[in-house]
Amino acid sequence: MNGQFARAYLGIGEVLTELRGEFPDISVSKIRFLESEGLISPARSPSGYRRFGPADVDQLRFILTAQRDQYLPLRVIRERLVAGAGGDKQAGGGTARAKARPAEMISRRDLLESAGIDEDQLAELEAHGLVRRSGRLYGQDALDVAATVAALASYGVQARHLRAAKTAADRDISLIEQVVAPILRQRSAGARDAAGQTAREIAGLLIRLHRAMIEAALAEAGLPGEELGA
């Protein structure tokens, strides 16, 4: 990659910084999922890292806005991208839906450095079931959780305080599994993909519901401030 390319393109962490103020729920795993669904197609550096140009960031912003403000499923967003200005880029990739890439795993050291936590904090996260590993490696979801807990720690919130959040997430997963179970029982070739898409759409709605309930509780408690999704 030459110097001009490096300056013109953003890494995935820089994209998070660019968009997090507008979309607080954005995460590395969210961006990777949208890429696996063929909705974005960032370039790759010679070493394999994603590199996002201005058009990629604009397209990502369009997708996130459509999900947040219009509650559009990914299928509809994809159709709009193909039909609109983003269609040329999606069509140029050869398919409307890219082949999903294997989930990228990171080492313990990379997790500690990227999330900004130490060994003791990671051990606590693992002890409370907030972070899990596969063998000696961690998924991007573990990085997202660890980085978020690290940010909460700056407010005095510790991993042990988040057991309720873990329990609530487990209950949401149980609900989602009940809803998609009939889809999984179908014998069609696309049943699992359909179930996965439905599960993620329901998860997004549950997150939105959770945010709305917190907003209502904060307002009732008389705590002013900007909306969580602002």
Foldseek 3Di string as FASTA:
>chain_A
DDPVQVVQWDFPVVLCVVCCVQAVPDFPVNVLVCVQFLQADFDADPVGTGTHGPVRSVSVVVVRCCCPPVVDAPVVSLVCCLVDPNVVVSVVVVDSGHHRDPFDKDAPVVLCVLLVHDPVQVVLCVVLVNFDADVRIGTRSNSVSSNVQVVVVVVVDGNVNCSVVVVVVVVLVVVLCVVLVVLVPDPDPCSVVVSVSSSVSSVSVVVVVVQVVVVVVCVVVVNDDDRPND
